[in-house]
Amino acid sequence: MKTYIKNLWLAAAVAAPLVAAAQQPQYAPLPTGISPVPTVTSGLLLFQRILYWFSVAFWIAAGFFVFYAAYLYLTAAGNDERTKKAKQQLLYAVIAIIIAIMAAGLPRLVQSFLLGV
């Protein structure tokens, strides 16, 4: 009985990709004449929103790294290896903070290049 079930699962695993490949793809019609980014200004606004969310993610990561480094340092109890790891985590937090500051200032820099503002 176990062999029968095992063979049935094997046959299903082999047949599943073949059944999926035999289906015709259904493509959605493409809109004509409508651009998702109609002007440079709306493109810059989209770019600013994306970079804003990236900077938020980096600030969260930096905060996590700072707390994790503090935890490692407090629990190191004189262990040089754990103290070294805590210093590395703090370095990662500083790098995340620098990237977040750059992400916050990059939209203004791109806007000044593209629009000459």
PDB file of N, CA and C in Angstrom:
ATOM      1  N   MET A   1       0.814  -1.191   0.000  1.00  0.00           N
ATOM      2  CA  MET A   1       0.000   0.000   0.000  1.00  0.00           C
ATOM      3  C   MET A   1       0.861   1.260   0.000  1.00  0.00           C
ATOM      4  N   LYS A   2       1.983   1.241   0.790  1.00  0.00           N
ATOM      5  CA  LYS A   2       2.857   2.393   0.844  1.00  0.00           C
ATOM      6  C   LYS A   2       3.516   2.644  -0.504  1.00  0.00           C
ATOM      7  N   THR A   3       3.876   1.578  -1.186  1.00  0.00           N
ATOM      8  CA  THR A   3       4.496   1.715  -2.501  1.00  0.00           C
ATOM      9  C   THR A   3       3.509   2.314  -3.489  1.00  0.00           C
ATOM     10  N   TYR A   4       2.249   1.914  -3.402  1.00  0.00           N
ATOM     11  CA  TYR A   4       1.222   2.448  -4.291  1.00  0.00           C
ATOM     12  C   TYR A   4       1.058   3.954  -4.075  1.00  0.00           C
ATOM     13  N   ILE A   5       1.011   4.393  -2.827  1.00  0.00           N
ATOM     14  CA  ILE A   5       0.853   5.822  -2.521  1.00  0.00           C
ATOM     15  C   ILE A   5       2.091   6.595  -2.959  1.00  0.00           C
ATOM     16  N   LYS A   6       3.266   6.014  -2.728  1.00  0.00           N
ATOM     17  CA  LYS A   6       4.505   6.665  -3.148  1.00  0.00           C
ATOM     18  C   LYS A   6       4.543   6.822  -4.668  1.00  0.00           C
ATOM     19  N   ASN A   7       4.127   5.774  -5.400  1.00  0.00           N
ATOM     20  CA  ASN A   7       4.095   5.853  -6.868  1.00  0.00           C
ATOM     21  C   ASN A   7       3.049   6.849  -7.345  1.00  0.00           C
ATOM     22  N   LEU A   8       1.938   6.945  -6.644  1.00  0.00           N
ATOM     23  CA  LEU A   8       0.901   7.896  -7.016  1.00  0.00           C
ATOM     24  C   LEU A   8       1.405   9.332  -6.833  1.00  0.00           C
ATOM     25  N   TRP A   9       2.097   9.594  -5.719  1.00  0.00           N
ATOM     26  CA  TRP A   9       2.678  10.929  -5.506  1.00  0.00           C
ATOM     27  C   TRP A   9       3.739  11.239  -6.543  1.00  0.00           C
ATOM     28  N   LEU A  10       4.547  10.256  -6.906  1.00  0.00           N
ATOM     29  CA  LEU A  10       5.578  10.454  -7.918  1.00  0.00           C
ATOM     30  C   LEU A  10       4.948  10.771  -9.271  1.00  0.00           C
ATOM     31  N   ALA A  11       3.892  10.059  -9.623  1.00  0.00           N
ATOM     32  CA  ALA A  11       3.203  10.324 -10.885  1.00  0.00           C
ATOM     33  C   ALA A  11       2.566  11.712 -10.881  1.00  0.00           C
ATOM     34  N   ALA A  12       2.010  12.112  -9.766  1.00  0.00           N
ATOM     35  CA  ALA A  12       1.410  13.448  -9.670  1.00  0.00           C
ATOM     36  C   ALA A  12       2.482  14.522  -9.781  1.00  0.00           C
ATOM     37  N   ALA A  13       3.639  14.286  -9.165  1.00  0.00           N
ATOM     38  CA  ALA A  13       4.725  15.263  -9.229  1.00  0.00           C
ATOM     39  C   ALA A  13       5.276  15.393 -10.638  1.00  0.00           C
ATOM     40  N   VAL A  14       5.304  14.299 -11.378  1.00  0.00           N
ATOM     41  CA  VAL A  14       5.788  14.342 -12.761  1.00  0.00           C
ATOM     42  C   VAL A  14       4.744  14.955 -13.681  1.00  0.00           C
ATOM     43  N   ALA A  15       3.476  14.670 -13.441  1.00  0.00           N
ATOM     44  CA  ALA A  15       2.414  15.134 -14.328  1.00  0.00           C
ATOM     45  C   ALA A  15       2.031  16.592 -14.089  1.00  0.00           C
ATOM     46  N   ALA A  16       2.242  17.107 -12.905  1.00  0.00           N
ATOM     47  CA  ALA A  16       1.810  18.471 -12.588  1.00  0.00           C
ATOM     48  C   ALA A  16       2.448  19.517 -13.496  1.00  0.00           C
ATOM     49  N   PRO A  17       3.765  19.497 -13.723  1.00  0.00           N
ATOM     50  CA  PRO A  17       4.323  20.494 -14.641  1.00  0.00           C
ATOM     51  C   PRO A  17       3.830  20.337 -16.074  1.00  0.00           C
ATOM     52  N   LEU A  18       3.578  19.104 -16.479  1.00  0.00           N
ATOM     53  CA  LEU A  18       3.081  18.882 -17.838  1.00  0.00           C
ATOM     54  C   LEU A  18       1.675  19.435 -18.016  1.00  0.00           C
ATOM     55  N   VAL A  19       0.845  19.278 -17.010  1.00  0.00           N
ATOM     56  CA  VAL A  19      -0.514  19.818 -17.076  1.00  0.00           C
ATOM     57  C   VAL A  19      -0.476  21.337 -17.070  1.00  0.00           C
ATOM     58  N   ALA A  20       0.390  21.919 -16.253  1.00  0.00           N
ATOM     59  CA  ALA A  20       0.485  23.376 -16.185  1.00  0.00           C
ATOM     60  C   ALA A  20       1.043  23.947 -17.478  1.00  0.00           C
ATOM     61  N   ALA A  21       1.985  23.242 -18.108  1.00  0.00           N
ATOM     62  CA  ALA A  21       2.581  23.730 -19.354  1.00  0.00           C
ATOM     63  C   ALA A  21       1.626  23.616 -20.528  1.00  0.00           C
ATOM     64  N   ALA A  22       0.628  22.763 -20.433  1.00  0.00           N
ATOM     65  CA  ALA A  22      -0.302  22.572 -21.540  1.00  0.00           C
ATOM     66  C   ALA A  22      -1.353  23.668 -21.620  1.00  0.00           C
ATOM     67  N   GLN A  23      -1.473  24.491 -20.604  1.00  0.00           N
ATOM     68  CA  GLN A  23      -2.485  25.535 -20.601  1.00  0.00           C
ATOM     69  C   GLN A  23      -2.028  26.722 -21.432  1.00  0.00           C
ATOM     70  N   GLN A  24      -2.975  27.381 -22.052  1.00  0.00           N
ATOM     71  CA  GLN A  24      -2.701  28.589 -22.828  1.00  0.00           C
ATOM     72  C   GLN A  24      -2.596  29.780 -21.883  1.00  0.00           C
ATOM     73  N   PRO A  25      -1.582  30.615 -22.031  1.00  0.00           N
ATOM     74  CA  PRO A  25      -1.492  31.786 -21.158  1.00  0.00           C
ATOM     75  C   PRO A  25      -2.562  32.812 -21.503  1.00  0.00           C
ATOM     76  N   GLN A  26      -3.107  33.448 -20.503  1.00  0.00           N
ATOM     77  CA  GLN A  26      -4.110  34.478 -20.690  1.00  0.00           C
ATOM     78  C   GLN A  26      -3.449  35.822 -20.427  1.00  0.00           C
ATOM     79  N   TYR A  27      -3.234  36.588 -21.483  1.00  0.00           N
ATOM     80  CA  TYR A  27      -2.583  37.882 -21.341  1.00  0.00           C
ATOM     81  C   TYR A  27      -3.626  38.979 -21.217  1.00  0.00           C
ATOM     82  N   ALA A  28      -3.377  39.898 -20.310  1.00  0.00           N
ATOM     83  CA  ALA A  28      -4.253  41.053 -20.167  1.00  0.00           C
ATOM     84  C   ALA A  28      -3.937  42.031 -21.297  1.00  0.00           C
ATOM     85  N   PRO A  29      -4.953  42.669 -21.864  1.00  0.00           N
ATOM     86  CA  PRO A  29      -4.675  43.634 -22.932  1.00  0.00           C
ATOM     87  C   PRO A  29      -3.913  44.839 -22.383  1.00  0.00           C
ATOM     88  N   LEU A  30      -2.950  45.288 -23.137  1.00  0.00           N
ATOM     89  CA  LEU A  30      -2.167  46.440 -22.728  1.00  0.00           C
ATOM     90  C   LEU A  30      -2.944  47.727 -22.994  1.00  0.00           C
ATOM     91  N   PRO A  31      -2.933  48.664 -22.051  1.00  0.00           N
ATOM     92  CA  PRO A  31      -3.605  49.937 -22.304  1.00  0.00           C
ATOM     93  C   PRO A  31      -2.839  50.726 -23.360  1.00  0.00           C
ATOM     94  N   THR A  32      -3.572  51.384 -24.219  1.00  0.00           N
ATOM     95  CA  THR A  32      -2.932  52.158 -25.276  1.00  0.00           C
ATOM     96  C   THR A  32      -3.075  53.638 -24.987  1.00  0.00           C
ATOM     97  N   GLY A  33      -2.008  54.364 -25.191  1.00  0.00           N
ATOM     98  CA  GLY A  33      -2.044  55.810 -25.036  1.00  0.00           C
ATOM     99  C   GLY A  33      -1.981  56.305 -23.604  1.00  0.00           C
ATOM    100  N   ILE A  34      -1.866  55.407 -22.646  1.00  0.00           N
ATOM    101  CA  ILE A  34      -1.819  55.831 -21.257  1.00  0.00           C
ATOM    102  C   ILE A  34      -0.456  55.423 -20.696  1.00  0.00           C
ATOM    103  N   SER A  35       0.270  56.395 -20.204  1.00  0.00           N
ATOM    104  CA  SER A  35       1.575  56.124 -19.609  1.00  0.00           C
ATOM    105  C   SER A  35       1.452  56.142 -18.102  1.00  0.00           C
ATOM    106  N   PRO A  36       2.105  55.213 -17.406  1.00  0.00           N
ATOM    107  CA  PRO A  36       2.048  55.249 -15.945  1.00  0.00           C
ATOM    108  C   PRO A  36       2.765  56.462 -15.364  1.00  0.00           C
ATOM    109  N   VAL A  37       3.726  57.022 -16.107  1.00  0.00           N
ATOM    110  CA  VAL A  37       4.442  58.219 -15.671  1.00  0.00           C
ATOM    111  C   VAL A  37       4.355  59.230 -16.820  1.00  0.00           C
ATOM    112  N   PRO A  38       3.287  60.061 -16.846  1.00  0.00           N
ATOM    113  CA  PRO A  38       3.071  60.931 -17.999  1.00  0.00           C
ATOM    114  C   PRO A  38       4.047  62.102 -18.102  1.00  0.00           C
ATOM    115  N   THR A  39       4.546  62.627 -16.989  1.00  0.00           N
ATOM    116  CA  THR A  39       5.441  63.781 -17.042  1.00  0.00           C
ATOM    117  C   THR A  39       6.680  63.522 -16.199  1.00  0.00           C
ATOM    118  N   VAL A  40       7.674  64.365 -16.394  1.00  0.00           N
ATOM    119  CA  VAL A  40       8.909  64.245 -15.616  1.00  0.00           C
ATOM    120  C   VAL A  40       8.638  64.510 -14.143  1.00  0.00           C
ATOM    121  N   THR A  41       7.772  65.456 -13.862  1.00  0.00           N
ATOM    122  CA  THR A  41       7.466  65.800 -12.470  1.00  0.00           C
ATOM    123  C   THR A  41       6.802  64.637 -11.750  1.00  0.00           C
ATOM    124  N   SER A  42       5.875  63.953 -12.411  1.00  0.00           N
ATOM    125  CA  SER A  42       5.235  62.811 -11.755  1.00  0.00           C
ATOM    126  C   SER A  42       6.222  61.653 -11.613  1.00  0.00           C
ATOM    127  N   GLY A  43       7.152  61.534 -12.542  1.00  0.00           N
ATOM    128  CA  GLY A  43       8.199  60.526 -12.410  1.00  0.00           C
ATOM    129  C   GLY A  43       9.094  60.816 -11.225  1.00  0.00           C
ATOM    130  N   LEU A  44       9.423  62.100 -11.028  1.00  0.00           N
ATOM    131  CA  LEU A  44      10.232  62.476  -9.870  1.00  0.00           C
ATOM    132  C   LEU A  44       9.482  62.244  -8.567  1.00  0.00           C
ATOM    133  N   LEU A  45       8.170  62.497  -8.588  1.00  0.00           N
ATOM    134  CA  LEU A  45       7.367  62.252  -7.391  1.00  0.00           C
ATOM    135  C   LEU A  45       7.359  60.762  -7.042  1.00  0.00           C
ATOM    136  N   LEU A  46       7.227  59.913  -8.054  1.00  0.00           N
ATOM    137  CA  LEU A  46       7.277  58.468  -7.833  1.00  0.00           C
ATOM    138  C   LEU A  46       8.645  58.062  -7.292  1.00  0.00           C
ATOM    139  N   PHE A  47       9.699  58.626  -7.852  1.00  0.00           N
ATOM    140  CA  PHE A  47      11.067  58.344  -7.413  1.00  0.00           C
ATOM    141  C   PHE A  47      11.259  58.778  -5.958  1.00  0.00           C
ATOM    142  N   GLN A  48      10.704  59.935  -5.592  1.00  0.00           N
ATOM    143  CA  GLN A  48      10.813  60.416  -4.216  1.00  0.00           C
ATOM    144  C   GLN A  48      10.084  59.500  -3.242  1.00  0.00           C
ATOM    145  N   ARG A  49       8.923  59.013  -3.642  1.00  0.00           N
ATOM    146  CA  ARG A  49       8.170  58.116  -2.769  1.00  0.00           C
ATOM    147  C   ARG A  49       8.924  56.808  -2.544  1.00  0.00           C
ATOM    148  N   ILE A  50       9.492  56.267  -3.605  1.00  0.00           N
ATOM    149  CA  ILE A  50      10.249  55.016  -3.489  1.00  0.00           C
ATOM    150  C   ILE A  50      11.456  55.214  -2.579  1.00  0.00           C
ATOM    151  N   LEU A  51      12.188  56.297  -2.773  1.00  0.00           N
ATOM    152  CA  LEU A  51      13.353  56.543  -1.938  1.00  0.00           C
ATOM    153  C   LEU A  51      12.968  56.828  -0.491  1.00  0.00           C
ATOM    154  N   TYR A  52      11.804  57.434  -0.294  1.00  0.00           N
ATOM    155  CA  TYR A  52      11.336  57.661   1.077  1.00  0.00           C
ATOM    156  C   TYR A  52      11.147  56.331   1.799  1.00  0.00           C
ATOM    157  N   TRP A  53      10.525  55.367   1.137  1.00  0.00           N
ATOM    158  CA  TRP A  53      10.294  54.072   1.778  1.00  0.00           C
ATOM    159  C   TRP A  53      11.602  53.315   1.990  1.00  0.00           C
ATOM    160  N   PHE A  54      12.538  53.478   1.070  1.00  0.00           N
ATOM    161  CA  PHE A  54      13.851  52.877   1.296  1.00  0.00           C
ATOM    162  C   PHE A  54      14.534  53.498   2.508  1.00  0.00           C
ATOM    163  N   SER A  55      14.433  54.803   2.655  1.00  0.00           N
ATOM    164  CA  SER A  55      15.063  55.447   3.802  1.00  0.00           C
ATOM    165  C   SER A  55      14.392  55.010   5.102  1.00  0.00           C
ATOM    166  N   VAL A  56      13.082  54.835   5.091  1.00  0.00           N
ATOM    167  CA  VAL A  56      12.393  54.343   6.283  1.00  0.00           C
ATOM    168  C   VAL A  56      12.895  52.942   6.639  1.00  0.00           C
ATOM    169  N   ALA A  57      13.050  52.086   5.637  1.00  0.00           N
ATOM    170  CA  ALA A  57      13.547  50.732   5.889  1.00  0.00           C
ATOM    171  C   ALA A  57      14.968  50.770   6.454  1.00  0.00           C
ATOM    172  N   PHE A  58      15.792  51.662   5.931  1.00  0.00           N
ATOM    173  CA  PHE A  58      17.151  51.755   6.439  1.00  0.00           C
ATOM    174  C   PHE A  58      17.180  52.304   7.868  1.00  0.00           C
ATOM    175  N   TRP A  59      16.311  53.270   8.200  1.00  0.00           N
ATOM    176  CA  TRP A  59      16.267  53.780   9.573  1.00  0.00           C
ATOM    177  C   TRP A  59      15.842  52.680  10.542  1.00  0.00           C
ATOM    178  N   ILE A  60      14.898  51.877  10.124  1.00  0.00           N
ATOM    179  CA  ILE A  60      14.468  50.754  10.969  1.00  0.00           C
ATOM    180  C   ILE A  60      15.614  49.765  11.144  1.00  0.00           C
ATOM    181  N   ALA A  61      16.308  49.452  10.052  1.00  0.00           N
ATOM    182  CA  ALA A  61      17.444  48.530  10.139  1.00  0.00           C
ATOM    183  C   ALA A  61      18.551  49.111  11.013  1.00  0.00           C
ATOM    184  N   ALA A  62      18.804  50.399  10.896  1.00  0.00           N
ATOM    185  CA  ALA A  62      19.846  51.028  11.709  1.00  0.00           C
ATOM    186  C   ALA A  62      19.477  50.968  13.188  1.00  0.00           C
ATOM    187  N   GLY A  63      18.225  51.233  13.513  1.00  0.00           N
ATOM    188  CA  GLY A  63      17.795  51.126  14.900  1.00  0.00           C
ATOM    189  C   GLY A  63      17.924  49.714  15.433  1.00  0.00           C
ATOM    190  N   PHE A  64      17.552  48.747  14.610  1.00  0.00           N
ATOM    191  CA  PHE A  64      17.696  47.346  15.014  1.00  0.00           C
ATOM    192  C   PHE A  64      19.156  47.002  15.249  1.00  0.00           C
ATOM    193  N   PHE A  65      20.041  47.444  14.358  1.00  0.00           N
ATOM    194  CA  PHE A  65      21.463  47.146  14.512  1.00  0.00           C
ATOM    195  C   PHE A  65      22.047  47.798  15.759  1.00  0.00           C
ATOM    196  N   VAL A  66      21.628  49.013  16.065  1.00  0.00           N
ATOM    197  CA  VAL A  66      22.143  49.686  17.267  1.00  0.00           C
ATOM    198  C   VAL A  66      21.711  48.926  18.521  1.00  0.00           C
ATOM    199  N   PHE A  67      20.440  48.538  18.593  1.00  0.00           N
ATOM    200  CA  PHE A  67      19.974  47.795  19.758  1.00  0.00           C
ATOM    201  C   PHE A  67      20.628  46.413  19.846  1.00  0.00           C
ATOM    202  N   TYR A  68      20.816  45.776  18.698  1.00  0.00           N
ATOM    203  CA  TYR A  68      21.462  44.466  18.690  1.00  0.00           C
ATOM    204  C   TYR A  68      22.923  44.584  19.125  1.00  0.00           C
ATOM    205  N   ALA A  69      23.615  45.629  18.654  1.00  0.00           N
ATOM    206  CA  ALA A  69      25.006  45.847  19.057  1.00  0.00           C
ATOM    207  C   ALA A  69      25.084  46.129  20.554  1.00  0.00           C
ATOM    208  N   ALA A  70      24.145  46.908  21.059  1.00  0.00           N
ATOM    209  CA  ALA A  70      24.130  47.180  22.498  1.00  0.00           C
ATOM    210  C   ALA A  70      23.888  45.905  23.295  1.00  0.00           C
ATOM    211  N   TYR A  71      22.992  45.073  22.833  1.00  0.00           N
ATOM    212  CA  TYR A  71      22.725  43.801  23.498  1.00  0.00           C
ATOM    213  C   TYR A  71      23.974  42.922  23.491  1.00  0.00           C
ATOM    214  N   LEU A  72      24.635  42.842  22.332  1.00  0.00           N
ATOM    215  CA  LEU A  72      25.845  42.027  22.258  1.00  0.00           C
ATOM    216  C   LEU A  72      26.938  42.561  23.168  1.00  0.00           C
ATOM    217  N   TYR A  73      27.071  43.871  23.219  1.00  0.00           N
ATOM    218  CA  TYR A  73      28.109  44.460  24.050  1.00  0.00           C
ATOM    219  C   TYR A  73      27.829  44.242  25.536  1.00  0.00           C
ATOM    220  N   LEU A  74      26.560  44.378  25.917  1.00  0.00           N
ATOM    221  CA  LEU A  74      26.207  44.205  27.329  1.00  0.00           C
ATOM    222  C   LEU A  74      26.327  42.752  27.775  1.00  0.00           C
ATOM    223  N   THR A  75      26.087  41.815  26.873  1.00  0.00           N
ATOM    224  CA  THR A  75      26.158  40.408  27.232  1.00  0.00           C
ATOM    225  C   THR A  75      27.518  39.792  26.912  1.00  0.00           C
ATOM    226  N   ALA A  76      28.479  40.591  26.467  1.00  0.00           N
ATOM    227  CA  ALA A  76      29.797  40.049  26.114  1.00  0.00           C
ATOM    228  C   ALA A  76      30.553  39.574  27.345  1.00  0.00           C
ATOM    229  N   ALA A  77      30.403  40.245  28.451  1.00  0.00           N
ATOM    230  CA  ALA A  77      31.042  39.869  29.716  1.00  0.00           C
ATOM    231  C   ALA A  77      32.546  39.693  29.566  1.00  0.00           C
ATOM    232  N   GLY A  78      33.168  40.601  28.833  1.00  0.00           N
ATOM    233  CA  GLY A  78      34.614  40.566  28.670  1.00  0.00           C
ATOM    234  C   GLY A  78      35.113  39.649  27.569  1.00  0.00           C
ATOM    235  N   ASN A  79      34.220  38.978  26.883  1.00  0.00           N
ATOM    236  CA  ASN A  79      34.614  38.100  25.793  1.00  0.00           C
ATOM    237  C   ASN A  79      35.018  38.950  24.591  1.00  0.00           C
ATOM    238  N   ASP A  80      36.267  38.831  24.163  1.00  0.00           N
ATOM    239  CA  ASP A  80      36.774  39.670  23.083  1.00  0.00           C
ATOM    240  C   ASP A  80      36.058  39.405  21.756  1.00  0.00           C
ATOM    241  N   GLU A  81      35.718  38.159  21.508  1.00  0.00           N
ATOM    242  CA  GLU A  81      35.049  37.821  20.243  1.00  0.00           C
ATOM    243  C   GLU A  81      33.666  38.465  20.163  1.00  0.00           C
ATOM    244  N   ARG A  82      32.922  38.410  21.246  1.00  0.00           N
ATOM    245  CA  ARG A  82      31.576  39.019  21.253  1.00  0.00           C
ATOM    246  C   ARG A  82      31.658  40.537  21.230  1.00  0.00           C
ATOM    247  N   THR A  83      32.672  41.110  21.866  1.00  0.00           N
ATOM    248  CA  THR A  83      32.866  42.563  21.813  1.00  0.00           C
ATOM    249  C   THR A  83      33.197  43.004  20.391  1.00  0.00           C
ATOM    250  N   LYS A  84      34.009  42.209  19.714  1.00  0.00           N
ATOM    251  CA  LYS A  84      34.355  42.507  18.314  1.00  0.00           C
ATOM    252  C   LYS A  84      33.105  42.430  17.434  1.00  0.00           C
ATOM    253  N   LYS A  85      32.263  41.427  17.678  1.00  0.00           N
ATOM    254  CA  LYS A  85      31.024  41.294  16.910  1.00  0.00           C
ATOM    255  C   LYS A  85      30.097  42.488  17.171  1.00  0.00           C
ATOM    256  N   ALA A  86      30.051  42.968  18.415  1.00  0.00           N
ATOM    257  CA  ALA A  86      29.228  44.131  18.749  1.00  0.00           C
ATOM    258  C   ALA A  86      29.733  45.368  18.014  1.00  0.00           C
ATOM    259  N   LYS A  87      31.039  45.526  17.927  1.00  0.00           N
ATOM    260  CA  LYS A  87      31.605  46.670  17.212  1.00  0.00           C
ATOM    261  C   LYS A  87      31.287  46.585  15.720  1.00  0.00           C
ATOM    262  N   GLN A  88      31.306  45.374  15.159  1.00  0.00           N
ATOM    263  CA  GLN A  88      30.942  45.206  13.748  1.00  0.00           C
ATOM    264  C   GLN A  88      29.477  45.576  13.524  1.00  0.00           C
ATOM    265  N   GLN A  89      28.603  45.160  14.417  1.00  0.00           N
ATOM    266  CA  GLN A  89      27.189  45.488  14.278  1.00  0.00           C
ATOM    267  C   GLN A  89      26.963  46.988  14.382  1.00  0.00           C
ATOM    268  N   LEU A  90      27.717  47.656  15.247  1.00  0.00           N
ATOM    269  CA  LEU A  90      27.603  49.107  15.359  1.00  0.00           C
ATOM    270  C   LEU A  90      28.096  49.780  14.081  1.00  0.00           C
ATOM    271  N   LEU A  91      29.139  49.232  13.466  1.00  0.00           N
ATOM    272  CA  LEU A  91      29.609  49.746  12.182  1.00  0.00           C
ATOM    273  C   LEU A  91      28.531  49.594  11.112  1.00  0.00           C
ATOM    274  N   TYR A  92      27.853  48.453  11.098  1.00  0.00           N
ATOM    275  CA  TYR A  92      26.754  48.249  10.148  1.00  0.00           C
ATOM    276  C   TYR A  92      25.636  49.261  10.372  1.00  0.00           C
ATOM    277  N   ALA A  93      25.372  49.592  11.625  1.00  0.00           N
ATOM    278  CA  ALA A  93      24.341  50.586  11.932  1.00  0.00           C
ATOM    279  C   ALA A  93      24.750  51.954  11.409  1.00  0.00           C
ATOM    280  N   VAL A  94      26.001  52.318  11.562  1.00  0.00           N
ATOM    281  CA  VAL A  94      26.479  53.610  11.048  1.00  0.00           C
ATOM    282  C   VAL A  94      26.376  53.640   9.527  1.00  0.00           C
ATOM    283  N   ILE A  95      26.716  52.537   8.872  1.00  0.00           N
ATOM    284  CA  ILE A  95      26.596  52.472   7.415  1.00  0.00           C
ATOM    285  C   ILE A  95      25.133  52.613   6.994  1.00  0.00           C
ATOM    286  N   ALA A  96      24.212  51.970   7.716  1.00  0.00           N
ATOM    287  CA  ALA A  96      22.786  52.093   7.399  1.00  0.00           C
ATOM    288  C   ALA A  96      22.304  53.527   7.587  1.00  0.00           C
ATOM    289  N   ILE A  97      22.803  54.201   8.615  1.00  0.00           N
ATOM    290  CA  ILE A  97      22.421  55.596   8.846  1.00  0.00           C
ATOM    291  C   ILE A  97      22.931  56.481   7.714  1.00  0.00           C
ATOM    292  N   ILE A  98      24.155  56.261   7.273  1.00  0.00           N
ATOM    293  CA  ILE A  98      24.705  57.048   6.158  1.00  0.00           C
ATOM    294  C   ILE A  98      23.904  56.819   4.882  1.00  0.00           C
ATOM    295  N   ILE A  99      23.529  55.586   4.615  1.00  0.00           N
ATOM    296  CA  ILE A  99      22.724  55.287   3.423  1.00  0.00           C
ATOM    297  C   ILE A  99      21.349  55.942   3.522  1.00  0.00           C
ATOM    298  N   ALA A 100      20.759  55.938   4.727  1.00  0.00           N
ATOM    299  CA  ALA A 100      19.442  56.573   4.899  1.00  0.00           C
ATOM    300  C   ALA A 100      19.526  58.074   4.676  1.00  0.00           C
ATOM    301  N   ILE A 101      20.594  58.701   5.137  1.00  0.00           N
ATOM    302  CA  ILE A 101      20.759  60.145   4.914  1.00  0.00           C
ATOM    303  C   ILE A 101      20.942  60.423   3.422  1.00  0.00           C
ATOM    304  N   MET A 102      21.707  59.561   2.746  1.00  0.00           N
ATOM    305  CA  MET A 102      21.885  59.742   1.304  1.00  0.00           C
ATOM    306  C   MET A 102      20.564  59.545   0.558  1.00  0.00           C
ATOM    307  N   ALA A 103      19.766  58.563   0.980  1.00  0.00           N
ATOM    308  CA  ALA A 103      18.477  58.323   0.326  1.00  0.00           C
ATOM    309  C   ALA A 103      17.527  59.485   0.539  1.00  0.00           C
ATOM    310  N   ALA A 104      17.642  60.166   1.674  1.00  0.00           N
ATOM    311  CA  ALA A 104      16.780  61.318   1.931  1.00  0.00           C
ATOM    312  C   ALA A 104      17.188  62.510   1.072  1.00  0.00           C
ATOM    313  N   GLY A 105      18.469  62.649   0.753  1.00  0.00           N
ATOM    314  CA  GLY A 105      18.931  63.794  -0.029  1.00  0.00           C
ATOM    315  C   GLY A 105      19.002  63.552  -1.513  1.00  0.00           C
ATOM    316  N   LEU A 106      18.940  62.304  -1.940  1.00  0.00           N
ATOM    317  CA  LEU A 106      19.075  61.993  -3.363  1.00  0.00           C
ATOM    318  C   LEU A 106      17.942  62.543  -4.235  1.00  0.00           C
ATOM    319  N   PRO A 107      16.678  62.533  -3.812  1.00  0.00           N
ATOM    320  CA  PRO A 107      15.625  63.075  -4.675  1.00  0.00           C
ATOM    321  C   PRO A 107      15.838  64.549  -5.012  1.00  0.00           C
ATOM    322  N   ARG A 108      16.261  65.319  -4.047  1.00  0.00           N
ATOM    323  CA  ARG A 108      16.513  66.749  -4.292  1.00  0.00           C
ATOM    324  C   ARG A 108      17.655  66.924  -5.282  1.00  0.00           C
ATOM    325  N   LEU A 109      18.676  66.093  -5.187  1.00  0.00           N
ATOM    326  CA  LEU A 109      19.806  66.158  -6.105  1.00  0.00           C
ATOM    327  C   LEU A 109      19.377  65.793  -7.532  1.00  0.00           C
ATOM    328  N   VAL A 110      18.579  64.742  -7.679  1.00  0.00           N
ATOM    329  CA  VAL A 110      18.096  64.342  -9.000  1.00  0.00           C
ATOM    330  C   VAL A 110      17.176  65.425  -9.570  1.00  0.00           C
ATOM    331  N   GLN A 111      16.331  65.999  -8.737  1.00  0.00           N
ATOM    332  CA  GLN A 111      15.427  67.054  -9.189  1.00  0.00           C
ATOM    333  C   GLN A 111      16.221  68.273  -9.667  1.00  0.00           C
ATOM    334  N   SER A 112      17.283  68.607  -8.985  1.00  0.00           N
ATOM    335  CA  SER A 112      18.081  69.752  -9.410  1.00  0.00           C
ATOM    336  C   SER A 112      18.787  69.480 -10.735  1.00  0.00           C
ATOM    337  N   PHE A 113      19.196  68.239 -10.973  1.00  0.00           N
ATOM    338  CA  PHE A 113      19.825  67.901 -12.247  1.00  0.00           C
ATOM    339  C   PHE A 113      18.827  67.905 -13.394  1.00  0.00           C
ATOM    340  N   LEU A 114      17.645  67.323 -13.156  1.00  0.00           N
ATOM    341  CA  LEU A 114      16.667  67.187 -14.243  1.00  0.00           C
ATOM    342  C   LEU A 114      15.903  68.474 -14.537  1.00  0.00           C
ATOM    343  N   LEU A 115      15.559  69.213 -13.516  1.00  0.00           N
ATOM    344  CA  LEU A 115      14.733  70.414 -13.716  1.00  0.00           C
ATOM    345  C   LEU A 115      15.538  71.697 -13.622  1.00  0.00           C
ATOM    346  N   GLY A 116      16.775  71.616 -13.191  1.00  0.00           N
ATOM    347  CA  GLY A 116      17.606  72.803 -13.075  1.00  0.00           C
ATOM    348  C   GLY A 116      17.153  73.741 -11.989  1.00  0.00           C
ATOM    349  N   VAL A 117      16.581  73.198 -10.927  1.00  0.00           N
ATOM    350  CA  VAL A 117      16.078  74.000  -9.814  1.00  0.00           C
ATOM    351  C   VAL A 117      17.170  74.225  -8.808  1.00  0.00           C
TER     352      VAL A 117
END
